[in-house]
PDB file of N, CA and C in Angstrom:
ATOM      1  N   MET A   1      -8.962 199.779 123.914  1.00  0.00           N
ATOM      2  CA  MET A   1      -7.690 199.056 123.778  1.00  0.00           C
ATOM      3  C   MET A   1      -6.971 199.134 125.129  1.00  0.00           C
ATOM      4  N   ASP A   2      -6.622 198.014 125.685  1.00  0.00           N
ATOM      5  CA  ASP A   2      -5.914 198.065 126.936  1.00  0.00           C
ATOM      6  C   ASP A   2      -4.358 198.154 126.677  1.00  0.00           C
ATOM      7  N   LYS A   3      -3.617 198.319 127.729  1.00  0.00           N
ATOM      8  CA  LYS A   3      -2.204 198.578 127.654  1.00  0.00           C
ATOM      9  C   LYS A   3      -1.435 197.449 126.940  1.00  0.00           C
ATOM     10  N   ASN A   4      -1.826 196.175 127.223  1.00  0.00           N
ATOM     11  CA  ASN A   4      -1.108 195.073 126.549  1.00  0.00           C
ATOM     12  C   ASN A   4      -1.394 195.053 125.068  1.00  0.00           C
ATOM     13  N   GLN A   5      -2.557 195.271 124.674  1.00  0.00           N
ATOM     14  CA  GLN A   5      -2.833 195.302 123.209  1.00  0.00           C
ATOM     15  C   GLN A   5      -2.104 196.425 122.526  1.00  0.00           C
ATOM     16  N   TYR A   6      -2.074 197.620 123.238  1.00  0.00           N
ATOM     17  CA  TYR A   6      -1.356 198.750 122.686  1.00  0.00           C
ATOM     18  C   TYR A   6       0.159 198.438 122.514  1.00  0.00           C
ATOM     19  N   ASN A   7       0.763 197.876 123.525  1.00  0.00           N
ATOM     20  CA  ASN A   7       2.204 197.491 123.454  1.00  0.00           C
ATOM     21  C   ASN A   7       2.453 196.477 122.376  1.00  0.00           C
ATOM     22  N   LYS A   8       1.547 195.518 122.198  1.00  0.00           N
ATOM     23  CA  LYS A   8       1.732 194.525 121.199  1.00  0.00           C
ATOM     24  C   LYS A   8       1.665 195.144 119.794  1.00  0.00           C
ATOM     25  N   LYS A   9       0.718 195.980 119.557  1.00  0.00           N
ATOM     26  CA  LYS A   9       0.590 196.701 118.285  1.00  0.00           C
ATOM     27  C   LYS A   9       1.806 197.613 118.026  1.00  0.00           C
ATOM     28  N   LYS A  10       2.285 198.284 119.078  1.00  0.00           N
ATOM     29  CA  LYS A  10       3.474 199.128 118.993  1.00  0.00           C
ATOM     30  C   LYS A  10       4.677 198.343 118.565  1.00  0.00           C
ATOM     31  N   GLN A  11       4.871 197.157 119.211  1.00  0.00           N
ATOM     32  CA  GLN A  11       5.960 196.227 118.856  1.00  0.00           C
ATOM     33  C   GLN A  11       5.896 195.769 117.445  1.00  0.00           C
ATOM     34  N   GLU A  12       4.693 195.446 116.967  1.00  0.00           N
ATOM     35  CA  GLU A  12       4.533 194.969 115.585  1.00  0.00           C
ATOM     36  C   GLU A  12       4.858 196.091 114.581  1.00  0.00           C
ATOM     37  N   ARG A  13       4.399 197.292 114.914  1.00  0.00           N
ATOM     38  CA  ARG A  13       4.759 198.452 114.039  1.00  0.00           C
ATOM     39  C   ARG A  13       6.248 198.681 113.953  1.00  0.00           C
ATOM     40  N   ARG A  14       6.919 198.619 115.129  1.00  0.00           N
ATOM     41  CA  ARG A  14       8.341 198.771 115.141  1.00  0.00           C
ATOM     42  C   ARG A  14       9.103 197.747 114.350  1.00  0.00           C
ATOM     43  N   GLU A  15       8.668 196.457 114.528  1.00  0.00           N
ATOM     44  CA  GLU A  15       9.258 195.347 113.763  1.00  0.00           C
ATOM     45  C   GLU A  15       9.131 195.554 112.262  1.00  0.00           C
ATOM     46  N   GLU A  16       7.941 195.931 111.854  1.00  0.00           N
ATOM     47  CA  GLU A  16       7.627 196.141 110.476  1.00  0.00           C
ATOM     48  C   GLU A  16       8.531 197.266 109.890  1.00  0.00           C
ATOM     49  N   LYS A  17       8.610 198.366 110.664  1.00  0.00           N
ATOM     50  CA  LYS A  17       9.383 199.496 110.191  1.00  0.00           C
ATOM     51  C   LYS A  17      10.867 199.185 110.093  1.00  0.00           C
ATOM     52  N   ARG A  18      11.400 198.383 111.061  1.00  0.00           N
ATOM     53  CA  ARG A  18      12.773 198.020 111.059  1.00  0.00           C
ATOM     54  C   ARG A  18      13.093 197.049 109.862  1.00  0.00           C
ATOM     55  N   LYS A  19      12.165 196.134 109.627  1.00  0.00           N
ATOM     56  CA  LYS A  19      12.375 195.201 108.529  1.00  0.00           C
ATOM     57  C   LYS A  19      12.395 195.884 107.212  1.00  0.00           C
ATOM     58  N   GLU A  20      11.512 196.919 107.015  1.00  0.00           N
ATOM     59  CA  GLU A  20      11.484 197.633 105.762  1.00  0.00           C
ATOM     60  C   GLU A  20      12.763 198.438 105.649  1.00  0.00           C
ATOM     61  N   LYS A  21      13.208 199.034 106.712  1.00  0.00           N
ATOM     62  CA  LYS A  21      14.420 199.899 106.663  1.00  0.00           C
ATOM     63  C   LYS A  21      15.631 199.027 106.379  1.00  0.00           C
ATOM     64  N   ARG A  22      15.732 197.843 106.906  1.00  0.00           N
ATOM     65  CA  ARG A  22      16.893 196.937 106.640  1.00  0.00           C
ATOM     66  C   ARG A  22      16.918 196.418 105.278  1.00  0.00           C
ATOM     67  N   SER A  23      15.742 196.138 104.704  1.00  0.00           N
ATOM     68  CA  SER A  23      15.536 195.716 103.295  1.00  0.00           C
ATOM     69  C   SER A  23      16.398 194.462 102.924  1.00  0.00           C
ATOM     70  N   VAL A  24      16.784 193.690 103.876  1.00  0.00           N
ATOM     71  CA  VAL A  24      17.534 192.433 103.661  1.00  0.00           C
ATOM     72  C   VAL A  24      16.717 191.362 104.399  1.00  0.00           C
ATOM     73  N   GLN A  25      16.538 190.243 103.660  1.00  0.00           N
ATOM     74  CA  GLN A  25      15.743 189.137 104.277  1.00  0.00           C
ATOM     75  C   GLN A  25      16.537 188.413 105.325  1.00  0.00           C
ATOM     76  N   GLY A  26      15.886 187.717 106.244  1.00  0.00           N
ATOM     77  CA  GLY A  26      16.466 186.968 107.327  1.00  0.00           C
ATOM     78  C   GLY A  26      17.470 185.918 106.835  1.00  0.00           C
ATOM     79  N   GLU A  27      17.102 185.207 105.772  1.00  0.00           N
ATOM     80  CA  GLU A  27      17.951 184.206 105.216  1.00  0.00           C
ATOM     81  C   GLU A  27      19.208 184.780 104.651  1.00  0.00           C
ATOM     82  N   GLU A  28      19.104 185.987 104.074  1.00  0.00           N
ATOM     83  CA  GLU A  28      20.339 186.571 103.530  1.00  0.00           C
ATOM     84  C   GLU A  28      21.229 186.980 104.649  1.00  0.00           C
ATOM     85  N   VAL A  29      20.717 187.402 105.741  1.00  0.00           N
ATOM     86  CA  VAL A  29      21.583 187.733 106.962  1.00  0.00           C
ATOM     87  C   VAL A  29      22.265 186.512 107.386  1.00  0.00           C
ATOM     88  N   ILE A  30      21.566 185.365 107.483  1.00  0.00           N
ATOM     89  CA  ILE A  30      22.251 184.184 107.903  1.00  0.00           C
ATOM     90  C   ILE A  30      23.304 183.803 106.923  1.00  0.00           C
ATOM     91  N   PHE A  31      23.088 183.932 105.572  1.00  0.00           N
ATOM     92  CA  PHE A  31      24.068 183.629 104.615  1.00  0.00           C
ATOM     93  C   PHE A  31      25.324 184.515 104.853  1.00  0.00           C
ATOM     94  N   ILE A  32      25.111 185.772 105.061  1.00  0.00           N
ATOM     95  CA  ILE A  32      26.269 186.692 105.323  1.00  0.00           C
ATOM     96  C   ILE A  32      27.072 186.263 106.525  1.00  0.00           C
ATOM     97  N   PHE A  33      26.386 185.940 107.588  1.00  0.00           N
ATOM     98  CA  PHE A  33      27.030 185.473 108.828  1.00  0.00           C
ATOM     99  C   PHE A  33      27.858 184.215 108.548  1.00  0.00           C
ATOM    100  N   GLU A  34      27.298 183.256 107.842  1.00  0.00           N
ATOM    101  CA  GLU A  34      27.974 182.013 107.530  1.00  0.00           C
ATOM    102  C   GLU A  34      29.271 182.310 106.710  1.00  0.00           C
ATOM    103  N   LYS A  35      29.198 183.113 105.721  1.00  0.00           N
ATOM    104  CA  LYS A  35      30.366 183.442 104.874  1.00  0.00           C
ATOM    105  C   LYS A  35      31.382 184.245 105.649  1.00  0.00           C
ATOM    106  N   VAL A  36      31.010 185.075 106.514  1.00  0.00           N
ATOM    107  CA  VAL A  36      31.953 185.845 107.344  1.00  0.00           C
ATOM    108  C   VAL A  36      32.808 184.838 108.183  1.00  0.00           C
ATOM    109  N   LEU A  37      32.127 183.861 108.724  1.00  0.00           N
ATOM    110  CA  LEU A  37      32.825 182.875 109.575  1.00  0.00           C
ATOM    111  C   LEU A  37      33.736 181.952 108.697  1.00  0.00           C
ATOM    112  N   GLU A  38      33.401 181.878 107.393  1.00  0.00           N
ATOM    113  CA  GLU A  38      34.286 181.159 106.477  1.00  0.00           C
ATOM    114  C   GLU A  38      35.418 182.096 105.953  1.00  0.00           C
ATOM    115  N   GLU A  39      35.429 183.323 106.469  1.00  0.00           N
ATOM    116  CA  GLU A  39      36.459 184.308 106.122  1.00  0.00           C
ATOM    117  C   GLU A  39      36.401 184.815 104.675  1.00  0.00           C
ATOM    118  N   TRP A  40      35.174 184.905 104.159  1.00  0.00           N
ATOM    119  CA  TRP A  40      35.019 185.500 102.800  1.00  0.00           C
ATOM    120  C   TRP A  40      35.066 187.045 102.979  1.00  0.00           C
ATOM    121  N   LYS A  41      35.616 187.688 101.966  1.00  0.00           N
ATOM    122  CA  LYS A  41      35.568 189.155 101.868  1.00  0.00           C
ATOM    123  C   LYS A  41      34.184 189.593 101.685  1.00  0.00           C
ATOM    124  N   THR A  42      33.903 190.838 102.070  1.00  0.00           N
ATOM    125  CA  THR A  42      32.486 191.343 101.913  1.00  0.00           C
ATOM    126  C   THR A  42      32.055 191.494 100.487  1.00  0.00           C
ATOM    127  N   ILE A  43      33.078 191.915  99.634  1.00  0.00           N
ATOM    128  CA  ILE A  43      32.704 192.071  98.201  1.00  0.00           C
ATOM    129  C   ILE A  43      32.315 190.756  97.564  1.00  0.00           C
ATOM    130  N   LYS A  44      32.978 189.686  97.987  1.00  0.00           N
ATOM    131  CA  LYS A  44      32.654 188.365  97.505  1.00  0.00           C
ATOM    132  C   LYS A  44      31.292 187.926  97.947  1.00  0.00           C
ATOM    133  N   ILE A  45      30.984 188.220  99.227  1.00  0.00           N
ATOM    134  CA  ILE A  45      29.600 187.921  99.756  1.00  0.00           C
ATOM    135  C   ILE A  45      28.579 188.699  99.008  1.00  0.00           C
ATOM    136  N   PHE A  46      28.810 189.972  98.794  1.00  0.00           N
ATOM    137  CA  PHE A  46      27.876 190.823  98.045  1.00  0.00           C
ATOM    138  C   PHE A  46      27.660 190.309  96.668  1.00  0.00           C
ATOM    139  N   ASN A  47      28.716 190.023  95.938  1.00  0.00           N
ATOM    140  CA  ASN A  47      28.559 189.529  94.545  1.00  0.00           C
ATOM    141  C   ASN A  47      27.822 188.197  94.488  1.00  0.00           C
ATOM    142  N   THR A  48      28.114 187.278  95.408  1.00  0.00           N
ATOM    143  CA  THR A  48      27.405 186.023  95.448  1.00  0.00           C
ATOM    144  C   THR A  48      25.916 186.152  95.720  1.00  0.00           C
ATOM    145  N   LEU A  49      25.541 187.103  96.636  1.00  0.00           N
ATOM    146  CA  LEU A  49      24.156 187.397  96.935  1.00  0.00           C
ATOM    147  C   LEU A  49      23.441 187.924  95.730  1.00  0.00           C
ATOM    148  N   ILE A  50      24.082 188.830  94.991  1.00  0.00           N
ATOM    149  CA  ILE A  50      23.485 189.470  93.796  1.00  0.00           C
ATOM    150  C   ILE A  50      23.332 188.409  92.718  1.00  0.00           C
ATOM    151  N   GLN A  51      24.297 187.499  92.570  1.00  0.00           N
ATOM    152  CA  GLN A  51      24.204 186.470  91.545  1.00  0.00           C
ATOM    153  C   GLN A  51      23.121 185.488  91.859  1.00  0.00           C
ATOM    154  N   GLN A  52      22.987 185.139  93.137  1.00  0.00           N
ATOM    155  CA  GLN A  52      21.897 184.172  93.563  1.00  0.00           C
ATOM    156  C   GLN A  52      20.509 184.815  93.433  1.00  0.00           C
ATOM    157  N   ASN A  53      20.387 186.100  93.724  1.00  0.00           N
ATOM    158  CA  ASN A  53      19.105 186.801  93.718  1.00  0.00           C
ATOM    159  C   ASN A  53      19.244 188.196  93.175  1.00  0.00           C
ATOM    160  N   PRO A  54      19.134 188.331  91.882  1.00  0.00           N
ATOM    161  CA  PRO A  54      19.330 189.696  91.280  1.00  0.00           C
ATOM    162  C   PRO A  54      18.285 190.695  91.732  1.00  0.00           C
ATOM    163  N   ASN A  55      17.189 190.283  92.256  1.00  0.00           N
ATOM    164  CA  ASN A  55      16.120 191.197  92.772  1.00  0.00           C
ATOM    165  C   ASN A  55      16.330 191.598  94.234  1.00  0.00           C
ATOM    166  N   SER A  56      17.431 191.145  94.834  1.00  0.00           N
ATOM    167  CA  SER A  56      17.707 191.450  96.214  1.00  0.00           C
ATOM    168  C   SER A  56      17.943 192.966  96.373  1.00  0.00           C
ATOM    169  N   PHE A  57      17.523 193.553  97.502  1.00  0.00           N
ATOM    170  CA  PHE A  57      17.756 194.950  97.735  1.00  0.00           C
ATOM    171  C   PHE A  57      19.036 195.209  98.551  1.00  0.00           C
ATOM    172  N   VAL A  58      19.846 194.197  98.671  1.00  0.00           N
ATOM    173  CA  VAL A  58      21.095 194.316  99.420  1.00  0.00           C
ATOM    174  C   VAL A  58      22.096 195.195  98.688  1.00  0.00           C
ATOM    175  N   ASP A  59      22.893 195.998  99.340  1.00  0.00           N
ATOM    176  CA  ASP A  59      23.951 196.724  98.735  1.00  0.00           C
ATOM    177  C   ASP A  59      25.222 196.486  99.527  1.00  0.00           C
ATOM    178  N   LYS A  60      26.312 196.901  98.948  1.00  0.00           N
ATOM    179  CA  LYS A  60      27.659 196.526  99.542  1.00  0.00           C
ATOM    180  C   LYS A  60      27.813 197.131 100.963  1.00  0.00           C
ATOM    181  N   LYS A  61      27.278 198.313 101.163  1.00  0.00           N
ATOM    182  CA  LYS A  61      27.385 198.940 102.509  1.00  0.00           C
ATOM    183  C   LYS A  61      26.639 198.073 103.548  1.00  0.00           C
ATOM    184  N   LYS A  62      25.476 197.685 103.177  1.00  0.00           N
ATOM    185  CA  LYS A  62      24.635 196.805 104.107  1.00  0.00           C
ATOM    186  C   LYS A  62      25.369 195.520 104.390  1.00  0.00           C
ATOM    187  N   VAL A  63      25.950 194.940 103.396  1.00  0.00           N
ATOM    188  CA  VAL A  63      26.686 193.679 103.619  1.00  0.00           C
ATOM    189  C   VAL A  63      27.826 193.920 104.622  1.00  0.00           C
ATOM    190  N   GLU A  64      28.554 195.058 104.536  1.00  0.00           N
ATOM    191  CA  GLU A  64      29.659 195.353 105.367  1.00  0.00           C
ATOM    192  C   GLU A  64      29.165 195.562 106.833  1.00  0.00           C
ATOM    193  N   THR A  65      28.010 196.218 106.977  1.00  0.00           N
ATOM    194  CA  THR A  65      27.429 196.467 108.291  1.00  0.00           C
ATOM    195  C   THR A  65      26.966 195.154 108.891  1.00  0.00           C
ATOM    196  N   ILE A  66      26.289 194.384 108.134  1.00  0.00           N
ATOM    197  CA  ILE A  66      25.727 193.095 108.699  1.00  0.00           C
ATOM    198  C   ILE A  66      26.898 192.147 108.979  1.00  0.00           C
ATOM    199  N   SER A  67      27.952 192.170 108.186  1.00  0.00           N
ATOM    200  CA  SER A  67      29.100 191.286 108.413  1.00  0.00           C
ATOM    201  C   SER A  67      29.746 191.505 109.751  1.00  0.00           C
ATOM    202  N   ASN A  68      29.560 192.615 110.400  1.00  0.00           N
ATOM    203  CA  ASN A  68      30.049 192.893 111.723  1.00  0.00           C
ATOM    204  C   ASN A  68      29.099 192.434 112.875  1.00  0.00           C
ATOM    205  N   GLY A  69      27.989 191.835 112.412  1.00  0.00           N
ATOM    206  CA  GLY A  69      26.987 191.289 113.408  1.00  0.00           C
ATOM    207  C   GLY A  69      25.990 192.335 113.734  1.00  0.00           C
ATOM    208  N   ASN A  70      26.048 193.503 113.082  1.00  0.00           N
ATOM    209  CA  ASN A  70      25.054 194.595 113.383  1.00  0.00           C
ATOM    210  C   ASN A  70      23.768 194.419 112.569  1.00  0.00           C
ATOM    211  N   CYS A  71      22.975 193.428 112.887  1.00  0.00           N
ATOM    212  CA  CYS A  71      21.695 193.249 112.208  1.00  0.00           C
ATOM    213  C   CYS A  71      20.765 192.407 113.122  1.00  0.00           C
ATOM    214  N   LYS A  72      19.649 192.952 113.386  1.00  0.00           N
ATOM    215  CA  LYS A  72      18.645 192.306 114.231  1.00  0.00           C
ATOM    216  C   LYS A  72      17.602 191.655 113.400  1.00  0.00           C
ATOM    217  N   ILE A  73      17.404 190.388 113.564  1.00  0.00           N
ATOM    218  CA  ILE A  73      16.336 189.684 112.920  1.00  0.00           C
ATOM    219  C   ILE A  73      15.276 189.347 113.991  1.00  0.00           C
ATOM    220  N   PHE A  74      14.037 189.508 113.614  1.00  0.00           N
ATOM    221  CA  PHE A  74      12.973 189.287 114.643  1.00  0.00           C
ATOM    222  C   PHE A  74      12.510 187.821 114.545  1.00  0.00           C
ATOM    223  N   PRO A  75      12.115 187.276 115.664  1.00  0.00           N
ATOM    224  CA  PRO A  75      11.590 185.845 115.707  1.00  0.00           C
ATOM    225  C   PRO A  75      10.508 185.610 114.677  1.00  0.00           C
ATOM    226  N   SER A  76       9.696 186.644 114.357  1.00  0.00           N
ATOM    227  CA  SER A  76       8.576 186.472 113.483  1.00  0.00           C
ATOM    228  C   SER A  76       9.032 186.236 111.996  1.00  0.00           C
ATOM    229  N   GLU A  77      10.284 186.558 111.688  1.00  0.00           N
ATOM    230  CA  GLU A  77      10.801 186.470 110.328  1.00  0.00           C
ATOM    231  C   GLU A  77      11.252 185.030 109.914  1.00  0.00           C
ATOM    232  N   LEU A  78      11.607 184.251 110.897  1.00  0.00           N
ATOM    233  CA  LEU A  78      12.168 182.913 110.681  1.00  0.00           C
ATOM    234  C   LEU A  78      11.393 181.887 111.472  1.00  0.00           C
ATOM    235  N   SER A  79      11.633 180.660 111.107  1.00  0.00           N
ATOM    236  CA  SER A  79      11.067 179.564 111.914  1.00  0.00           C
ATOM    237  C   SER A  79      11.867 179.572 113.216  1.00  0.00           C
ATOM    238  N   GLU A  80      11.356 178.906 114.276  1.00  0.00           N
ATOM    239  CA  GLU A  80      12.008 178.884 115.569  1.00  0.00           C
ATOM    240  C   GLU A  80      13.379 178.331 115.484  1.00  0.00           C
ATOM    241  N   GLU A  81      13.563 177.239 114.717  1.00  0.00           N
ATOM    242  CA  GLU A  81      14.829 176.547 114.564  1.00  0.00           C
ATOM    243  C   GLU A  81      15.844 177.494 113.838  1.00  0.00           C
ATOM    244  N   ARG A  82      15.444 178.151 112.784  1.00  0.00           N
ATOM    245  CA  ARG A  82      16.316 179.062 112.069  1.00  0.00           C
ATOM    246  C   ARG A  82      16.673 180.287 112.905  1.00  0.00           C
ATOM    247  N   TYR A  83      15.725 180.779 113.723  1.00  0.00           N
ATOM    248  CA  TYR A  83      15.981 181.901 114.567  1.00  0.00           C
ATOM    249  C   TYR A  83      17.059 181.530 115.614  1.00  0.00           C
ATOM    250  N   LYS A  84      16.996 180.345 116.189  1.00  0.00           N
ATOM    251  CA  LYS A  84      18.007 179.923 117.148  1.00  0.00           C
ATOM    252  C   LYS A  84      19.325 179.833 116.418  1.00  0.00           C
ATOM    253  N   TYR A  85      19.348 179.352 115.244  1.00  0.00           N
ATOM    254  CA  TYR A  85      20.589 179.237 114.470  1.00  0.00           C
ATOM    255  C   TYR A  85      21.187 180.605 114.205  1.00  0.00           C
ATOM    256  N   TYR A  86      20.259 181.543 113.832  1.00  0.00           N
ATOM    257  CA  TYR A  86      20.730 182.914 113.628  1.00  0.00           C
ATOM    258  C   TYR A  86      21.361 183.530 114.879  1.00  0.00           C
ATOM    259  N   CYS A  87      20.785 183.271 116.015  1.00  0.00           N
ATOM    260  CA  CYS A  87      21.327 183.811 117.293  1.00  0.00           C
ATOM    261  C   CYS A  87      22.720 183.250 117.609  1.00  0.00           C
ATOM    262  N   GLU A  88      22.906 181.931 117.340  1.00  0.00           N
ATOM    263  CA  GLU A  88      24.143 181.315 117.515  1.00  0.00           C
ATOM    264  C   GLU A  88      25.175 181.881 116.556  1.00  0.00           C
ATOM    265  N   LEU A  89      24.816 182.031 115.302  1.00  0.00           N
ATOM    266  CA  LEU A  89      25.723 182.671 114.325  1.00  0.00           C
ATOM    267  C   LEU A  89      26.157 184.032 114.697  1.00  0.00           C
ATOM    268  N   ARG A  90      25.172 184.792 115.185  1.00  0.00           N
ATOM    269  CA  ARG A  90      25.419 186.188 115.529  1.00  0.00           C
ATOM    270  C   ARG A  90      26.520 186.272 116.672  1.00  0.00           C
ATOM    271  N   GLU A  91      26.308 185.386 117.625  1.00  0.00           N
ATOM    272  CA  GLU A  91      27.280 185.321 118.655  1.00  0.00           C
ATOM    273  C   GLU A  91      28.682 184.946 118.195  1.00  0.00           C
ATOM    274  N   LYS A  92      28.745 184.019 117.278  1.00  0.00           N
ATOM    275  CA  LYS A  92      29.991 183.576 116.693  1.00  0.00           C
ATOM    276  C   LYS A  92      30.632 184.745 115.869  1.00  0.00           C
ATOM    277  N   VAL A  93      29.849 185.448 115.174  1.00  0.00           N
ATOM    278  CA  VAL A  93      30.328 186.614 114.438  1.00  0.00           C
ATOM    279  C   VAL A  93      30.976 187.665 115.398  1.00  0.00           C
ATOM    280  N   TYR A  94      30.230 187.992 116.442  1.00  0.00           N
ATOM    281  CA  TYR A  94      30.769 188.945 117.430  1.00  0.00           C
ATOM    282  C   TYR A  94      32.118 188.438 117.967  1.00  0.00           C
ATOM    283  N   SER A  95      32.155 187.154 118.313  1.00  0.00           N
ATOM    284  CA  SER A  95      33.367 186.557 118.836  1.00  0.00           C
ATOM    285  C   SER A  95      34.528 186.615 117.844  1.00  0.00           C
ATOM    286  N   TYR A  96      34.175 186.299 116.577  1.00  0.00           N
ATOM    287  CA  TYR A  96      35.183 186.324 115.535  1.00  0.00           C
ATOM    288  C   TYR A  96      35.824 187.753 115.405  1.00  0.00           C
ATOM    289  N   TRP A  97      34.942 188.754 115.351  1.00  0.00           N
ATOM    290  CA  TRP A  97      35.502 190.101 115.216  1.00  0.00           C
ATOM    291  C   TRP A  97      36.275 190.544 116.454  1.00  0.00           C
ATOM    292  N   ASN A  98      35.796 190.126 117.659  1.00  0.00           N
ATOM    293  CA  ASN A  98      36.500 190.525 118.864  1.00  0.00           C
ATOM    294  C   ASN A  98      37.872 189.845 118.940  1.00  0.00           C
ATOM    295  N   SER A  99      37.971 188.622 118.469  1.00  0.00           N
ATOM    296  CA  SER A  99      39.254 187.941 118.476  1.00  0.00           C
ATOM    297  C   SER A  99      40.147 188.532 117.481  1.00  0.00           C
ATOM    298  N   LYS A 100      39.669 189.045 116.337  1.00  0.00           N
ATOM    299  CA  LYS A 100      40.488 189.696 115.380  1.00  0.00           C
ATOM    300  C   LYS A 100      41.029 190.994 115.946  1.00  0.00           C
ATOM    301  N   LYS A 101      40.164 191.737 116.679  1.00  0.00           N
ATOM    302  CA  LYS A 101      40.637 192.984 117.317  1.00  0.00           C
ATOM    303  C   LYS A 101      41.675 192.736 118.356  1.00  0.00           C
ATOM    304  N   ASP A 102      41.521 191.663 119.144  1.00  0.00           N
ATOM    305  CA  ASP A 102      42.458 191.351 120.220  1.00  0.00           C
ATOM    306  C   ASP A 102      43.838 191.064 119.623  1.00  0.00           C
ATOM    307  N   VAL A 103      43.850 190.322 118.499  1.00  0.00           N
ATOM    308  CA  VAL A 103      45.140 189.912 117.825  1.00  0.00           C
ATOM    309  C   VAL A 103      45.733 191.187 117.255  1.00  0.00           C
ATOM    310  N   LYS A 104      44.942 192.049 116.667  1.00  0.00           N
ATOM    311  CA  LYS A 104      45.488 193.289 116.100  1.00  0.00           C
ATOM    312  C   LYS A 104      46.053 194.246 117.135  1.00  0.00           C
ATOM    313  N   ASN A 105      45.434 194.276 118.285  1.00  0.00           N
ATOM    314  CA  ASN A 105      45.866 195.211 119.349  1.00  0.00           C
ATOM    315  C   ASN A 105      47.033 194.698 120.150  1.00  0.00           C
ATOM    316  N   LYS A 106      47.344 193.481 120.089  1.00  0.00           N
ATOM    317  CA  LYS A 106      48.531 192.934 120.736  1.00  0.00           C
ATOM    318  C   LYS A 106      49.802 193.310 120.043  1.00  0.00           C
ATOM    319  N   ILE A 107      50.761 193.761 120.751  1.00  0.00           N
ATOM    320  CA  ILE A 107      52.023 194.210 120.141  1.00  0.00           C
ATOM    321  C   ILE A 107      53.137 193.099 120.437  1.00  0.00           C
ATOM    322  N   ASP A 108      53.718 192.702 119.452  1.00  0.00           N
ATOM    323  CA  ASP A 108      54.827 191.720 119.590  1.00  0.00           C
ATOM    324  C   ASP A 108      56.056 192.477 120.221  1.00  0.00           C
ATOM    325  N   PRO A 109      56.646 191.908 121.247  1.00  0.00           N
ATOM    326  CA  PRO A 109      57.747 192.605 121.993  1.00  0.00           C
ATOM    327  C   PRO A 109      58.953 192.937 121.010  1.00  0.00           C
ATOM    328  N   SER A 110      59.151 192.089 120.034  1.00  0.00           N
ATOM    329  CA  SER A 110      60.247 192.360 119.187  1.00  0.00           C
ATOM    330  C   SER A 110      59.931 193.482 118.266  1.00  0.00           C
ATOM    331  N   GLU A 111      58.662 193.841 118.019  1.00  0.00           N
ATOM    332  CA  GLU A 111      58.290 195.003 117.150  1.00  0.00           C
ATOM    333  C   GLU A 111      58.396 196.315 117.973  1.00  0.00           C
ATOM    334  N   ALA A 112      58.354 196.224 119.295  1.00  0.00           N
ATOM    335  CA  ALA A 112      58.266 197.434 120.070  1.00  0.00           C
ATOM    336  C   ALA A 112      59.522 198.260 120.037  1.00  0.00           C
ATOM    337  N   ASN A 113      60.638 197.658 119.757  1.00  0.00           N
ATOM    338  CA  ASN A 113      61.901 198.436 119.672  1.00  0.00           C
ATOM    339  C   ASN A 113      62.207 198.981 118.325  1.00  0.00           C
TER     340      ASN A 113
END
């Protein structure tokens, strides 16, 4: 086995391990991102996911983590078009949370006294 084959197998093993650890499907991650951008609360997102798919392995804590944009989906999990959409959504979610932080950190001069 040459170095390229070894690296490819290693990458495949890592992807598989991370997918199993995440236990949330790629489409569910996209759904969570979409609802975060619509300003849904995480509990509402969680309840909706469970109602749509009672066999889902998603839990409330995972929804909270994913809703912050902290979830990596691999290109092999989705079609090329859906993967591009996921990448765009992830960037929007990061921007959404950063803008919320910026607004929260700004102090109104009238409140300073």
